[in-house]
Amino acid sequence: MSKEIRHIAHWKHPLVLRDTGGSFRCDGCSCLGVGSHFRCDLCDFDLHEFCATCPPAATFAFHGQHQLTFERSGLGDRATCDLCEQSIQGMHYSCRPCDVCVHPICSQLSATAPSPMHTAHTFVLAVGAPVPCTLCGTSCYGRYQCVPCNINLHPRCLLGTDVDARKDAAGPAFDESISPILLPTWQGHYAGASAMIRMGHSMADLA
């Protein structure tokens, strides 16, 4: 029997946990998703599993000094997620004193991740003052960082689905046996994002 829930974002009908086998756009956070999610077929209404079940407040490794509070509405046209740098148009977590805002699904990114482009150390997810991404050259607030080597990567540059772009950037140092963990929930949101690498910098001298 399928799992059903009632959710404040859609009181009309119960939401059923389903896997349609394709991508969808979450009506809670407006981000793309892939795979299992809660859905109302009658209203064509979809929610990521985490958007439907996330706690009202939580502490995340990338911002350990304060709890982040779950909010259901957007913050205006100028609000962007500090991890993916895409606009926030609905559900999100925020720390208002620190002006940190993230999509619920972005809050679930792994606190640490390996990279086939730089195998010497594990990368740690962090949010802070902007620094240049070592790979694409543009500024990043949220990044996976290797502190000892001063390497910073956008989550999209580490987790995007364009593996060939990463191979080109790393050159012969690319280690195909290492793969960052990309849950199905993120695949729609970060799909193809690393194509920006093609315009960026080579990491061959950093591995």
Protein backbone atom coordinates (compact mmCIF):
# COMPACT_ATOMS: atom_id res chain seq x y z
CA MET A 1 0.00 0.00 0.00
CA SER A 2 1.33 3.41 -0.99
CA LYS A 3 2.33 5.85 1.73
CA GLU A 4 -0.03 8.83 2.07
CA ILE A 5 0.37 12.07 3.99
CA ARG A 6 -1.57 15.27 4.53
CA HIS A 7 0.46 18.42 4.01
CA ILE A 8 -0.29 22.05 4.83
CA ALA A 9 0.88 23.10 1.34
CA HIS A 10 -1.93 21.04 -0.23
CA TRP A 11 -4.87 20.43 2.10
CA LYS A 12 -7.38 19.48 -0.63
CA HIS A 13 -6.22 15.89 -1.07
CA PRO A 14 -3.75 13.44 0.42
CA LEU A 15 -0.32 13.20 -1.20
CA VAL A 16 0.84 9.74 -2.24
CA LEU A 17 4.48 8.65 -2.33
CA ARG A 18 5.23 7.72 -5.92
CA ASP A 19 8.08 7.25 -8.36
CA THR A 20 6.97 8.29 -11.84
CA GLY A 21 10.31 7.34 -13.34
CA GLY A 22 10.95 10.82 -14.68
CA SER A 23 11.72 14.34 -13.55
CA PHE A 24 9.29 16.71 -11.85
CA ARG A 25 9.25 20.24 -10.51
CA CYS A 26 8.55 20.47 -6.79
CA ASP A 27 5.58 22.73 -6.05
CA GLY A 28 7.05 23.46 -2.63
CA CYS A 29 10.53 24.74 -3.44
CA SER A 30 10.22 25.07 -7.26
CA CYS A 31 13.38 22.98 -7.83
CA LEU A 32 13.59 20.05 -10.20
CA GLY A 33 13.69 16.54 -8.83
CA VAL A 34 13.97 12.96 -10.02
CA GLY A 35 12.56 9.74 -8.60
CA SER A 36 10.45 9.13 -5.52
CA HIS A 37 8.29 12.04 -4.32
CA PHE A 38 4.85 12.88 -2.93
CA ARG A 39 2.19 13.60 -5.54
CA CYS A 40 -1.47 14.49 -6.00
CA ASP A 41 -2.54 13.27 -9.44
CA LEU A 42 -5.83 15.17 -9.33
CA CYS A 43 -4.08 18.53 -8.96
CA ASP A 44 -0.76 17.69 -10.63
CA PHE A 45 0.96 18.69 -7.39
CA ASP A 46 4.40 17.35 -6.47
CA LEU A 47 6.69 17.64 -3.44
CA HIS A 48 10.19 16.32 -2.90
CA GLU A 49 10.16 13.73 -0.11
CA PHE A 50 12.26 16.03 2.05
CA CYS A 51 10.16 19.12 1.31
CA ALA A 52 7.12 17.15 2.46
CA THR A 53 8.70 15.82 5.66
CA CYS A 54 11.47 18.25 6.67
CA PRO A 55 11.61 19.40 10.33
CA PRO A 56 10.67 22.98 11.31
CA ALA A 57 14.24 23.68 12.41
CA ALA A 58 17.54 21.88 11.97
CA THR A 59 21.29 22.31 12.30
CA PHE A 60 23.40 21.60 9.24
CA ALA A 61 27.15 21.04 9.02
CA PHE A 62 27.67 23.88 6.55
CA HIS A 63 26.29 26.39 9.11
CA GLY A 64 26.82 24.79 12.50
CA GLN A 65 26.73 27.98 14.57
CA HIS A 66 22.92 28.35 14.40
CA GLN A 67 19.83 26.35 13.63
CA LEU A 68 18.14 27.08 10.33
CA THR A 69 14.38 27.62 10.35
CA PHE A 70 12.04 26.15 7.74
CA GLU A 71 9.88 28.73 5.92
CA ARG A 72 7.17 27.98 3.38
CA SER A 73 7.17 31.20 1.34
CA GLY A 74 9.80 32.82 -0.84
CA LEU A 75 11.88 35.85 0.08
CA GLY A 76 11.39 38.02 -3.00
CA ASP A 77 12.99 38.23 -6.42
CA ARG A 78 16.53 38.85 -5.11
CA ALA A 79 16.77 35.83 -2.78
CA THR A 80 19.08 33.04 -3.89
CA CYS A 81 20.18 29.76 -2.37
CA ASP A 82 23.67 30.02 -0.88
CA LEU A 83 24.56 26.50 -2.06
CA CYS A 84 23.23 26.21 -5.62
CA GLU A 85 22.91 29.99 -6.30
CA GLN A 86 19.51 29.55 -7.92
CA SER A 87 16.52 31.65 -6.90
CA ILE A 88 14.41 30.75 -3.87
CA GLN A 89 10.76 30.80 -4.87
CA GLY A 90 9.10 28.82 -2.10
CA MET A 91 10.08 26.49 0.72
CA HIS A 92 13.54 27.06 2.16
CA TYR A 93 15.67 27.04 5.29
CA SER A 94 17.05 30.31 6.58
CA CYS A 95 19.24 31.78 9.30
CA ARG A 96 18.09 35.38 9.24
CA PRO A 97 20.81 36.75 11.59
CA CYS A 98 23.48 35.42 9.22
CA ASP A 99 21.51 35.96 5.99
CA VAL A 100 21.92 32.29 5.00
CA CYS A 101 19.19 30.73 2.85
CA VAL A 102 19.12 27.31 1.18
CA HIS A 103 16.64 25.12 -0.64
CA PRO A 104 15.52 22.14 1.47
CA ILE A 105 17.05 19.67 -1.00
CA CYS A 106 20.32 21.62 -1.05
CA SER A 107 20.45 21.40 2.74
CA GLN A 108 20.73 17.64 2.29
CA LEU A 109 23.99 17.77 0.32
CA SER A 110 26.69 15.60 1.86
CA ALA A 111 28.74 17.38 4.51
CA THR A 112 31.88 15.89 2.96
CA ALA A 113 32.60 14.54 -0.51
CA PRO A 114 35.51 13.07 -2.46
CA SER A 115 36.50 14.44 -5.82
CA PRO A 116 38.07 12.51 -8.71
CA MET A 117 39.76 15.77 -9.71
CA HIS A 118 41.65 16.18 -6.42
CA THR A 119 42.23 12.94 -4.57
CA ALA A 120 44.63 14.16 -1.87
CA HIS A 121 41.91 15.27 0.56
CA THR A 122 38.17 15.07 1.18
CA PHE A 123 36.16 18.22 0.45
CA VAL A 124 34.00 19.82 3.17
CA LEU A 125 30.76 21.71 2.47
CA ALA A 126 30.78 25.30 3.77
CA VAL A 127 29.04 28.67 3.36
CA GLY A 128 30.95 31.92 3.78
CA ALA A 129 32.27 35.06 2.17
CA PRO A 130 32.60 34.67 -1.61
CA VAL A 131 35.75 33.13 -3.04
CA PRO A 132 36.58 32.16 -6.64
CA CYS A 133 35.69 28.62 -7.64
CA THR A 134 38.93 26.88 -8.57
CA LEU A 135 37.22 25.16 -11.49
CA CYS A 136 34.92 27.66 -13.21
CA GLY A 137 36.46 30.90 -11.89
CA THR A 138 33.21 32.54 -10.72
CA SER A 139 32.49 33.48 -7.11
CA CYS A 140 30.93 30.96 -4.75
CA TYR A 141 29.34 31.52 -1.34
CA GLY A 142 28.51 27.87 -0.79
CA ARG A 143 31.30 25.51 -1.78
CA TYR A 144 33.06 22.26 -1.20
CA GLN A 145 36.49 23.24 0.05
CA CYS A 146 39.85 21.61 0.56
CA VAL A 147 41.32 23.89 3.21
CA PRO A 148 44.93 22.56 3.16
CA CYS A 149 45.18 23.11 -0.61
CA ASN A 150 42.99 26.23 -0.83
CA ILE A 151 40.69 24.63 -3.41
CA ASN A 152 37.04 25.69 -3.56
CA LEU A 153 34.37 24.16 -5.80
CA HIS A 154 30.73 25.07 -6.33
CA PRO A 155 28.49 22.12 -5.44
CA ARG A 156 27.40 22.19 -9.09
CA CYS A 157 31.01 21.94 -10.23
CA LEU A 158 31.60 18.94 -7.98
CA LEU A 159 28.22 17.22 -8.33
CA GLY A 160 26.97 18.17 -11.80
CA THR A 161 26.27 15.26 -14.12
CA ASP A 162 28.69 16.25 -16.90
CA VAL A 163 31.52 13.83 -16.07
CA ASP A 164 33.35 14.47 -19.36
CA ALA A 165 33.79 18.13 -18.42
CA ARG A 166 35.45 17.07 -15.17
CA LYS A 167 37.79 14.72 -16.99
CA ASP A 168 38.83 17.54 -19.33
CA ALA A 169 39.51 19.85 -16.38
CA ALA A 170 41.53 17.35 -14.35
CA GLY A 171 43.48 15.80 -17.18
CA PRO A 172 45.46 12.61 -16.44
CA ALA A 173 45.03 13.13 -12.69
CA PHE A 174 41.31 12.23 -12.96
CA ASP A 175 40.56 9.14 -10.86
CA GLU A 176 37.53 7.31 -12.29
CA SER A 177 37.28 5.08 -9.21
CA ILE A 178 36.16 8.07 -7.10
CA SER A 179 32.67 9.46 -7.52
CA PRO A 180 30.86 12.05 -5.37
CA ILE A 181 27.58 10.70 -3.98
CA LEU A 182 24.71 12.24 -5.94
CA LEU A 183 21.33 11.15 -4.60
CA PRO A 184 18.46 10.90 -7.13
CA THR A 185 16.80 13.89 -5.42
CA TRP A 186 19.63 16.15 -6.56
CA GLN A 187 20.02 14.79 -10.08
CA GLY A 188 17.29 16.96 -11.55
CA HIS A 189 18.46 20.08 -9.74
CA TYR A 190 22.15 19.71 -10.62
CA ALA A 191 21.80 17.94 -13.97
CA GLY A 192 24.27 19.26 -16.50
CA ALA A 193 25.28 22.16 -14.27
CA SER A 194 28.96 21.36 -14.57
CA ALA A 195 28.91 22.31 -18.24
CA MET A 196 30.20 25.64 -16.91
CA ILE A 197 33.49 23.84 -16.35
CA ARG A 198 34.13 23.93 -20.10
CA MET A 199 34.60 27.69 -19.82
CA GLY A 200 36.67 27.47 -16.66
CA HIS A 201 40.12 26.65 -15.42
CA SER A 202 42.22 23.51 -15.56
CA MET A 203 42.77 21.67 -12.30
CA ALA A 204 45.50 19.43 -13.65
CA ASP A 205 48.15 21.29 -11.66
CA LEU A 206 46.16 21.03 -8.41
CA ALA A 207 45.55 17.27 -8.11
